[in-house]
């Protein structure tokens, strides 16, 4: 299927590893000019080299912290200087922060800014470029809104992202801009294998008990949906939260 993405311009945050790197690579392989955003310059350079070796368009690196106040304006300036506009924004950067019952306020504030405010501010910085052209795609990589079995400072901001994205989709829909959220389940990523499920045995046992398909997903499983939503073929899908989780999420108990 031709996704008709060749020549488009995309921003992908958290592009140096895991899900973000795979999304950036898949977009680049479709002929998209990808601006990859991450804090780690060396990891971002490695991602660029890997994507080029796969045959994708060369990644344009933007080294920066998305939680820094100046980053959205600097990112917008860099993209418009290089490409003149942006067609696709993938807000992927974020993290999971399991916490104890009585956590320090600073942890909650930091998580809220990273997992919600930073993405909102970057979106607001590039939306005028999309609105002016009458076309655009905003895709937020979030998480389930269902509370886990433990307190996690990353969960409420992701739920806020779902509500904000729904409202935003109604505001910018008449301008040709779609806004969707993709909620990963248990996807193999740097965070998943280093912090949450560090052993194959732990992943296999969790999948056996909780995932109907019986295994953790790969980043490509999620990237496939992102590419479709980013393409003209996804033009009539907006305001949605779509789970990519092998059936993990339960709608009723």
C-alpha atoms as a PDB file:
ATOM      1  CA  UNK A   1       0.000   0.000   0.000  1.00  0.00           C
ATOM      2  CA  UNK A   2       1.385   3.386  -0.998  1.00  0.00           C
ATOM      3  CA  UNK A   3       0.969   5.631   2.036  1.00  0.00           C
ATOM      4  CA  UNK A   4       1.683   8.738  -0.041  1.00  0.00           C
ATOM      5  CA  UNK A   5       4.163  10.078   2.493  1.00  0.00           C
ATOM      6  CA  UNK A   6       7.122  10.745   0.198  1.00  0.00           C
ATOM      7  CA  UNK A   7       8.410  14.281   0.656  1.00  0.00           C
ATOM      8  CA  UNK A   8       6.448  15.016   3.828  1.00  0.00           C
ATOM      9  CA  UNK A   9       8.166  16.611   6.821  1.00  0.00           C
ATOM     10  CA  UNK A  10       7.872  15.060  10.284  1.00  0.00           C
ATOM     11  CA  UNK A  11       9.080  15.794  13.801  1.00  0.00           C
ATOM     12  CA  UNK A  12       9.574  12.803  16.085  1.00  0.00           C
ATOM     13  CA  UNK A  13      10.498  13.385  19.714  1.00  0.00           C
ATOM     14  CA  UNK A  14      12.388  10.762  21.659  1.00  0.00           C
ATOM     15  CA  UNK A  15      13.861   9.580  18.356  1.00  0.00           C
ATOM     16  CA  UNK A  16      17.190   8.252  19.592  1.00  0.00           C
ATOM     17  CA  UNK A  17      15.991   4.884  20.906  1.00  0.00           C
ATOM     18  CA  UNK A  18      13.156   2.401  21.201  1.00  0.00           C
ATOM     19  CA  UNK A  19       9.741   3.212  19.795  1.00  0.00           C
ATOM     20  CA  UNK A  20      10.731   6.705  18.686  1.00  0.00           C
ATOM     21  CA  UNK A  21      13.721   5.494  16.695  1.00  0.00           C
ATOM     22  CA  UNK A  22      11.647   2.863  14.916  1.00  0.00           C
ATOM     23  CA  UNK A  23       8.905   5.378  14.082  1.00  0.00           C
ATOM     24  CA  UNK A  24      11.520   7.774  12.714  1.00  0.00           C
ATOM     25  CA  UNK A  25      13.101   4.984  10.674  1.00  0.00           C
ATOM     26  CA  UNK A  26       9.817   3.783   9.208  1.00  0.00           C
ATOM     27  CA  UNK A  27       8.836   7.320   8.233  1.00  0.00           C
ATOM     28  CA  UNK A  28      12.247   7.899   6.640  1.00  0.00           C
ATOM     29  CA  UNK A  29      11.915   4.666   4.666  1.00  0.00           C
ATOM     30  CA  UNK A  30       8.637   6.022   3.274  1.00  0.00           C
ATOM     31  CA  UNK A  31      10.521   9.070   1.994  1.00  0.00           C
ATOM     32  CA  UNK A  32       9.669  11.444   4.835  1.00  0.00           C
ATOM     33  CA  UNK A  33      12.100  14.164   5.922  1.00  0.00           C
ATOM     34  CA  UNK A  34      12.345  13.370   9.637  1.00  0.00           C
ATOM     35  CA  UNK A  35      13.593  15.768  12.287  1.00  0.00           C
ATOM     36  CA  UNK A  36      14.578  13.546  15.205  1.00  0.00           C
ATOM     37  CA  UNK A  37      14.539  15.159  18.644  1.00  0.00           C
ATOM     38  CA  UNK A  38      16.447  13.764  21.626  1.00  0.00           C
ATOM     39  CA  UNK A  39      18.786  14.826  24.423  1.00  0.00           C
ATOM     40  CA  UNK A  40      21.559  12.311  23.703  1.00  0.00           C
ATOM     41  CA  UNK A  41      23.602  13.582  20.775  1.00  0.00           C
ATOM     42  CA  UNK A  42      25.625  10.399  20.321  1.00  0.00           C
ATOM     43  CA  UNK A  43      22.546   8.152  20.379  1.00  0.00           C
ATOM     44  CA  UNK A  44      20.786  10.444  17.925  1.00  0.00           C
ATOM     45  CA  UNK A  45      23.773  10.324  15.578  1.00  0.00           C
ATOM     46  CA  UNK A  46      23.782   6.530  15.778  1.00  0.00           C
ATOM     47  CA  UNK A  47      20.065   6.468  14.962  1.00  0.00           C
ATOM     48  CA  UNK A  48      20.737   8.677  11.947  1.00  0.00           C
ATOM     49  CA  UNK A  49      23.455   6.324  10.706  1.00  0.00           C
ATOM     50  CA  UNK A  50      21.257   3.250  11.171  1.00  0.00           C
ATOM     51  CA  UNK A  51      18.327   4.822   9.328  1.00  0.00           C
ATOM     52  CA  UNK A  52      20.551   5.877   6.440  1.00  0.00           C
ATOM     53  CA  UNK A  53      22.032   2.367   6.266  1.00  0.00           C
ATOM     54  CA  UNK A  54      18.508   0.950   5.980  1.00  0.00           C
ATOM     55  CA  UNK A  55      17.880   3.131   2.943  1.00  0.00           C
ATOM     56  CA  UNK A  56      15.763   5.837   4.559  1.00  0.00           C
ATOM     57  CA  UNK A  57      16.093   9.554   4.015  1.00  0.00           C
ATOM     58  CA  UNK A  58      18.836  10.951   6.266  1.00  0.00           C
ATOM     59  CA  UNK A  59      17.546  11.922   9.714  1.00  0.00           C
ATOM     60  CA  UNK A  60      17.904  15.583  10.636  1.00  0.00           C
ATOM     61  CA  UNK A  61      19.005  15.595  14.290  1.00  0.00           C
ATOM     62  CA  UNK A  62      17.801  18.172  16.801  1.00  0.00           C
ATOM     63  CA  UNK A  63      19.609  17.794  20.109  1.00  0.00           C
ATOM     64  CA  UNK A  64      17.573  19.279  22.913  1.00  0.00           C
ATOM     65  CA  UNK A  65      15.523  18.725  26.037  1.00  0.00           C
ATOM     66  CA  UNK A  66      11.797  18.932  25.291  1.00  0.00           C
ATOM     67  CA  UNK A  67      11.140  20.090  28.857  1.00  0.00           C
ATOM     68  CA  UNK A  68      13.316  23.188  28.401  1.00  0.00           C
ATOM     69  CA  UNK A  69      11.251  26.337  28.048  1.00  0.00           C
ATOM     70  CA  UNK A  70      13.044  27.483  24.910  1.00  0.00           C
ATOM     71  CA  UNK A  71      12.906  24.175  23.018  1.00  0.00           C
ATOM     72  CA  UNK A  72       9.528  24.518  21.206  1.00  0.00           C
ATOM     73  CA  UNK A  73      10.465  27.857  19.623  1.00  0.00           C
ATOM     74  CA  UNK A  74      13.956  26.654  18.734  1.00  0.00           C
ATOM     75  CA  UNK A  75      12.559  23.481  17.191  1.00  0.00           C
ATOM     76  CA  UNK A  76      10.028  25.399  15.124  1.00  0.00           C
ATOM     77  CA  UNK A  77      12.760  27.733  13.879  1.00  0.00           C
ATOM     78  CA  UNK A  78      15.036  24.827  12.948  1.00  0.00           C
ATOM     79  CA  UNK A  79      12.321  22.982  11.033  1.00  0.00           C
ATOM     80  CA  UNK A  80      11.070  26.008   9.119  1.00  0.00           C
ATOM     81  CA  UNK A  81      14.628  27.022   8.234  1.00  0.00           C
ATOM     82  CA  UNK A  82      15.416  23.552   6.874  1.00  0.00           C
ATOM     83  CA  UNK A  83      12.074  22.553   5.310  1.00  0.00           C
ATOM     84  CA  UNK A  84       9.706  25.508   5.432  1.00  0.00           C
ATOM     85  CA  UNK A  85       6.895  23.618   7.149  1.00  0.00           C
ATOM     86  CA  UNK A  86       5.935  20.483   9.063  1.00  0.00           C
ATOM     87  CA  UNK A  87       3.277  17.955   8.094  1.00  0.00           C
ATOM     88  CA  UNK A  88       3.517  15.407  10.912  1.00  0.00           C
ATOM     89  CA  UNK A  89       4.295  15.681  14.606  1.00  0.00           C
ATOM     90  CA  UNK A  90       4.855  12.530  16.657  1.00  0.00           C
ATOM     91  CA  UNK A  91       4.990  13.323  20.379  1.00  0.00           C
ATOM     92  CA  UNK A  92       6.782  10.215  21.584  1.00  0.00           C
ATOM     93  CA  UNK A  93       9.085  11.362  24.405  1.00  0.00           C
ATOM     94  CA  UNK A  94       7.954  10.442  27.898  1.00  0.00           C
ATOM     95  CA  UNK A  95       8.463   7.900  30.631  1.00  0.00           C
ATOM     96  CA  UNK A  96       6.924   5.707  33.291  1.00  0.00           C
ATOM     97  CA  UNK A  97       7.554   6.694  36.918  1.00  0.00           C
ATOM     98  CA  UNK A  98       6.403   4.160  39.500  1.00  0.00           C
ATOM     99  CA  UNK A  99       6.206   5.856  42.873  1.00  0.00           C
ATOM    100  CA  UNK A 100       5.421   5.253  46.508  1.00  0.00           C
ATOM    101  CA  UNK A 101       2.237   6.435  48.190  1.00  0.00           C
ATOM    102  CA  UNK A 102       3.795   9.607  49.559  1.00  0.00           C
ATOM    103  CA  UNK A 103       6.111  10.872  46.867  1.00  0.00           C
ATOM    104  CA  UNK A 104       7.784  14.241  46.733  1.00  0.00           C
ATOM    105  CA  UNK A 105       5.825  16.906  44.870  1.00  0.00           C
ATOM    106  CA  UNK A 106       8.784  17.482  42.572  1.00  0.00           C
ATOM    107  CA  UNK A 107       8.462  14.009  41.066  1.00  0.00           C
ATOM    108  CA  UNK A 108       4.816  14.630  40.163  1.00  0.00           C
ATOM    109  CA  UNK A 109       5.581  18.071  38.753  1.00  0.00           C
ATOM    110  CA  UNK A 110       8.434  16.745  36.613  1.00  0.00           C
ATOM    111  CA  UNK A 111       6.334  13.872  35.304  1.00  0.00           C
ATOM    112  CA  UNK A 112       3.432  16.163  34.437  1.00  0.00           C
ATOM    113  CA  UNK A 113       5.721  18.478  32.502  1.00  0.00           C
ATOM    114  CA  UNK A 114       7.517  15.700  30.627  1.00  0.00           C
ATOM    115  CA  UNK A 115       4.482  13.558  29.834  1.00  0.00           C
ATOM    116  CA  UNK A 116       1.971  16.309  29.071  1.00  0.00           C
ATOM    117  CA  UNK A 117       3.086  19.935  29.085  1.00  0.00           C
ATOM    118  CA  UNK A 118       6.178  19.465  26.929  1.00  0.00           C
ATOM    119  CA  UNK A 119       4.226  17.728  24.174  1.00  0.00           C
ATOM    120  CA  UNK A 120       1.430  20.292  24.388  1.00  0.00           C
ATOM    121  CA  UNK A 121       3.895  23.174  24.026  1.00  0.00           C
ATOM    122  CA  UNK A 122       5.663  21.606  21.039  1.00  0.00           C
ATOM    123  CA  UNK A 123       2.303  20.923  19.404  1.00  0.00           C
ATOM    124  CA  UNK A 124       1.198  24.507  19.894  1.00  0.00           C
ATOM    125  CA  UNK A 125       4.458  25.760  18.382  1.00  0.00           C
ATOM    126  CA  UNK A 126       3.987  23.887  15.078  1.00  0.00           C
ATOM    127  CA  UNK A 127       0.195  23.895  14.758  1.00  0.00           C
ATOM    128  CA  UNK A 128       0.126  27.300  12.989  1.00  0.00           C
ATOM    129  CA  UNK A 129       2.251  25.802  10.191  1.00  0.00           C
ATOM    130  CA  UNK A 130      -0.298  23.021   9.707  1.00  0.00           C
ATOM    131  CA  UNK A 131      -3.345  25.255  10.025  1.00  0.00           C
ATOM    132  CA  UNK A 132      -1.985  27.716   7.465  1.00  0.00           C
ATOM    133  CA  UNK A 133      -1.647  24.875   4.940  1.00  0.00           C
ATOM    134  CA  UNK A 134      -4.987  23.292   5.811  1.00  0.00           C
ATOM    135  CA  UNK A 135      -3.423  19.901   6.557  1.00  0.00           C
ATOM    136  CA  UNK A 136      -1.490  18.187   9.333  1.00  0.00           C
ATOM    137  CA  UNK A 137      -1.142  15.188  11.604  1.00  0.00           C
ATOM    138  CA  UNK A 138      -0.495  15.196  15.353  1.00  0.00           C
ATOM    139  CA  UNK A 139       0.098  11.761  16.868  1.00  0.00           C
ATOM    140  CA  UNK A 140       0.743  11.343  20.579  1.00  0.00           C
ATOM    141  CA  UNK A 141       2.335   8.161  21.904  1.00  0.00           C
ATOM    142  CA  UNK A 142       0.689   7.817  25.301  1.00  0.00           C
ATOM    143  CA  UNK A 143      -0.306   4.854  27.497  1.00  0.00           C
ATOM    144  CA  UNK A 144      -3.368   3.240  28.928  1.00  0.00           C
ATOM    145  CA  UNK A 145      -5.582   5.434  31.111  1.00  0.00           C
ATOM    146  CA  UNK A 146      -6.417   2.482  33.340  1.00  0.00           C
ATOM    147  CA  UNK A 147      -4.665   2.728  36.728  1.00  0.00           C
ATOM    148  CA  UNK A 148      -1.967   0.069  37.094  1.00  0.00           C
ATOM    149  CA  UNK A 149      -1.502  -2.040  40.207  1.00  0.00           C
ATOM    150  CA  UNK A 150       0.848   0.576  41.603  1.00  0.00           C
ATOM    151  CA  UNK A 151       1.018   4.344  41.763  1.00  0.00           C
ATOM    152  CA  UNK A 152       2.764   5.759  38.715  1.00  0.00           C
ATOM    153  CA  UNK A 153       3.393   9.452  38.213  1.00  0.00           C
ATOM    154  CA  UNK A 154       3.383   8.896  34.456  1.00  0.00           C
ATOM    155  CA  UNK A 155      -0.230   7.697  34.269  1.00  0.00           C
ATOM    156  CA  UNK A 156      -2.272  10.847  35.094  1.00  0.00           C
ATOM    157  CA  UNK A 157      -0.389  13.010  32.541  1.00  0.00           C
ATOM    158  CA  UNK A 158      -1.089  10.443  29.817  1.00  0.00           C
ATOM    159  CA  UNK A 159      -4.776  10.487  30.725  1.00  0.00           C
ATOM    160  CA  UNK A 160      -4.656  14.287  30.526  1.00  0.00           C
ATOM    161  CA  UNK A 161      -3.091  13.948  27.076  1.00  0.00           C
ATOM    162  CA  UNK A 162      -6.069  11.888  25.912  1.00  0.00           C
ATOM    163  CA  UNK A 163      -8.581  14.516  27.039  1.00  0.00           C
ATOM    164  CA  UNK A 164      -6.530  17.419  25.662  1.00  0.00           C
ATOM    165  CA  UNK A 165      -6.007  15.672  22.313  1.00  0.00           C
ATOM    166  CA  UNK A 166      -9.727  14.977  21.980  1.00  0.00           C
ATOM    167  CA  UNK A 167     -10.576  18.628  22.601  1.00  0.00           C
ATOM    168  CA  UNK A 168      -7.812  19.797  20.265  1.00  0.00           C
ATOM    169  CA  UNK A 169      -9.048  17.499  17.497  1.00  0.00           C
ATOM    170  CA  UNK A 170     -12.414  19.252  17.564  1.00  0.00           C
ATOM    171  CA  UNK A 171     -10.831  22.691  17.427  1.00  0.00           C
ATOM    172  CA  UNK A 172      -8.397  22.078  14.553  1.00  0.00           C
ATOM    173  CA  UNK A 173     -10.454  19.536  12.614  1.00  0.00           C
ATOM    174  CA  UNK A 174     -12.013  22.234  10.409  1.00  0.00           C
ATOM    175  CA  UNK A 175      -8.464  23.288   9.514  1.00  0.00           C
ATOM    176  CA  UNK A 176      -7.618  19.845   8.147  1.00  0.00           C
ATOM    177  CA  UNK A 177      -5.497  18.757  11.104  1.00  0.00           C
ATOM    178  CA  UNK A 178      -6.087  15.371  12.750  1.00  0.00           C
ATOM    179  CA  UNK A 179      -5.059  14.630  16.343  1.00  0.00           C
ATOM    180  CA  UNK A 180      -4.840  11.089  17.673  1.00  0.00           C
ATOM    181  CA  UNK A 181      -3.274   9.148  20.519  1.00  0.00           C
ATOM    182  CA  UNK A 182      -1.654   5.737  20.193  1.00  0.00           C
ATOM    183  CA  UNK A 183      -1.448   3.875  23.491  1.00  0.00           C
ATOM    184  CA  UNK A 184       1.247   1.183  23.578  1.00  0.00           C
ATOM    185  CA  UNK A 185       0.787  -1.913  25.666  1.00  0.00           C
ATOM    186  CA  UNK A 186       3.841  -3.971  26.487  1.00  0.00           C
ATOM    187  CA  UNK A 187       6.161  -3.035  23.636  1.00  0.00           C
ATOM    188  CA  UNK A 188       9.818  -4.049  23.682  1.00  0.00           C
ATOM    189  CA  UNK A 189      11.734  -0.825  24.252  1.00  0.00           C
ATOM    190  CA  UNK A 190      14.774   0.469  26.115  1.00  0.00           C
ATOM    191  CA  UNK A 191      12.650   1.396  29.118  1.00  0.00           C
ATOM    192  CA  UNK A 192      10.791  -1.914  29.090  1.00  0.00           C
ATOM    193  CA  UNK A 193      13.880  -4.140  29.096  1.00  0.00           C
ATOM    194  CA  UNK A 194      16.075  -2.046  31.393  1.00  0.00           C
ATOM    195  CA  UNK A 195      13.587  -0.947  34.062  1.00  0.00           C
ATOM    196  CA  UNK A 196      10.225  -2.685  33.959  1.00  0.00           C
ATOM    197  CA  UNK A 197      10.727  -6.263  32.665  1.00  0.00           C
ATOM    198  CA  UNK A 198      14.499  -6.824  32.554  1.00  0.00           C
ATOM    199  CA  UNK A 199      14.404 -10.585  31.896  1.00  0.00           C
ATOM    200  CA  UNK A 200      12.885 -12.682  29.145  1.00  0.00           C
ATOM    201  CA  UNK A 201      11.356 -14.932  31.796  1.00  0.00           C
ATOM    202  CA  UNK A 202       9.553 -11.995  33.431  1.00  0.00           C
ATOM    203  CA  UNK A 203       8.190 -10.828  30.078  1.00  0.00           C
ATOM    204  CA  UNK A 204       7.072 -14.311  29.109  1.00  0.00           C
ATOM    205  CA  UNK A 205       5.265 -14.884  32.412  1.00  0.00           C
ATOM    206  CA  UNK A 206       3.531 -11.502  32.296  1.00  0.00           C
ATOM    207  CA  UNK A 207       2.404 -12.122  28.727  1.00  0.00           C
ATOM    208  CA  UNK A 208       1.111 -15.570  29.591  1.00  0.00           C
ATOM    209  CA  UNK A 209      -1.091 -14.182  32.339  1.00  0.00           C
ATOM    210  CA  UNK A 210      -2.218 -10.880  30.819  1.00  0.00           C
ATOM    211  CA  UNK A 211      -1.858 -10.613  27.026  1.00  0.00           C
ATOM    212  CA  UNK A 212      -4.301 -12.629  24.885  1.00  0.00           C
ATOM    213  CA  UNK A 213      -1.824 -12.848  21.998  1.00  0.00           C
ATOM    214  CA  UNK A 214       0.741 -14.206  24.430  1.00  0.00           C
ATOM    215  CA  UNK A 215       3.771 -12.008  23.744  1.00  0.00           C
ATOM    216  CA  UNK A 216       5.167  -8.492  24.010  1.00  0.00           C
ATOM    217  CA  UNK A 217       4.925  -6.387  20.868  1.00  0.00           C
ATOM    218  CA  UNK A 218       7.768  -4.940  18.848  1.00  0.00           C
ATOM    219  CA  UNK A 219       8.129  -1.211  18.117  1.00  0.00           C
ATOM    220  CA  UNK A 220       7.312  -1.945  14.473  1.00  0.00           C
ATOM    221  CA  UNK A 221       3.836  -3.117  15.534  1.00  0.00           C
ATOM    222  CA  UNK A 222       3.127   0.348  16.855  1.00  0.00           C
ATOM    223  CA  UNK A 223       4.968   2.202  14.084  1.00  0.00           C
ATOM    224  CA  UNK A 224       2.719   0.583  11.468  1.00  0.00           C
ATOM    225  CA  UNK A 225      -0.310   2.334  12.960  1.00  0.00           C
ATOM    226  CA  UNK A 226       1.524   5.625  13.374  1.00  0.00           C
ATOM    227  CA  UNK A 227       2.457   5.646   9.690  1.00  0.00           C
ATOM    228  CA  UNK A 228      -1.121   4.995   8.637  1.00  0.00           C
ATOM    229  CA  UNK A 229      -2.443   7.794  10.857  1.00  0.00           C
ATOM    230  CA  UNK A 230       0.276  10.110   9.527  1.00  0.00           C
ATOM    231  CA  UNK A 231      -0.647   9.400   5.930  1.00  0.00           C
ATOM    232  CA  UNK A 232      -3.414  10.824   3.751  1.00  0.00           C
ATOM    233  CA  UNK A 233      -5.087   7.421   4.043  1.00  0.00           C
ATOM    234  CA  UNK A 234      -5.768   8.164   7.717  1.00  0.00           C
ATOM    235  CA  UNK A 235      -7.518  11.445   6.981  1.00  0.00           C
ATOM    236  CA  UNK A 236     -10.878  10.469   8.527  1.00  0.00           C
ATOM    237  CA  UNK A 237      -9.505   9.253  11.852  1.00  0.00           C
ATOM    238  CA  UNK A 238      -9.211  11.910  14.552  1.00  0.00           C
ATOM    239  CA  UNK A 239      -9.844  12.383  18.234  1.00  0.00           C
ATOM    240  CA  UNK A 240      -9.142   8.730  18.946  1.00  0.00           C
ATOM    241  CA  UNK A 241      -7.132   6.767  21.496  1.00  0.00           C
ATOM    242  CA  UNK A 242      -6.052   3.539  19.796  1.00  0.00           C
ATOM    243  CA  UNK A 243      -4.453   0.751  21.828  1.00  0.00           C
ATOM    244  CA  UNK A 244      -1.661  -1.376  20.372  1.00  0.00           C
ATOM    245  CA  UNK A 245      -1.391  -3.992  23.080  1.00  0.00           C
ATOM    246  CA  UNK A 246      -2.153  -7.512  21.888  1.00  0.00           C
ATOM    247  CA  UNK A 247      -5.509  -7.386  23.663  1.00  0.00           C
ATOM    248  CA  UNK A 248      -4.067  -6.399  27.066  1.00  0.00           C
ATOM    249  CA  UNK A 249      -6.564  -3.667  27.841  1.00  0.00           C
ATOM    250  CA  UNK A 250      -9.902  -4.685  29.359  1.00  0.00           C
ATOM    251  CA  UNK A 251     -12.991  -2.566  28.732  1.00  0.00           C
ATOM    252  CA  UNK A 252     -15.080  -4.380  31.332  1.00  0.00           C
ATOM    253  CA  UNK A 253     -14.394  -6.735  34.191  1.00  0.00           C
END
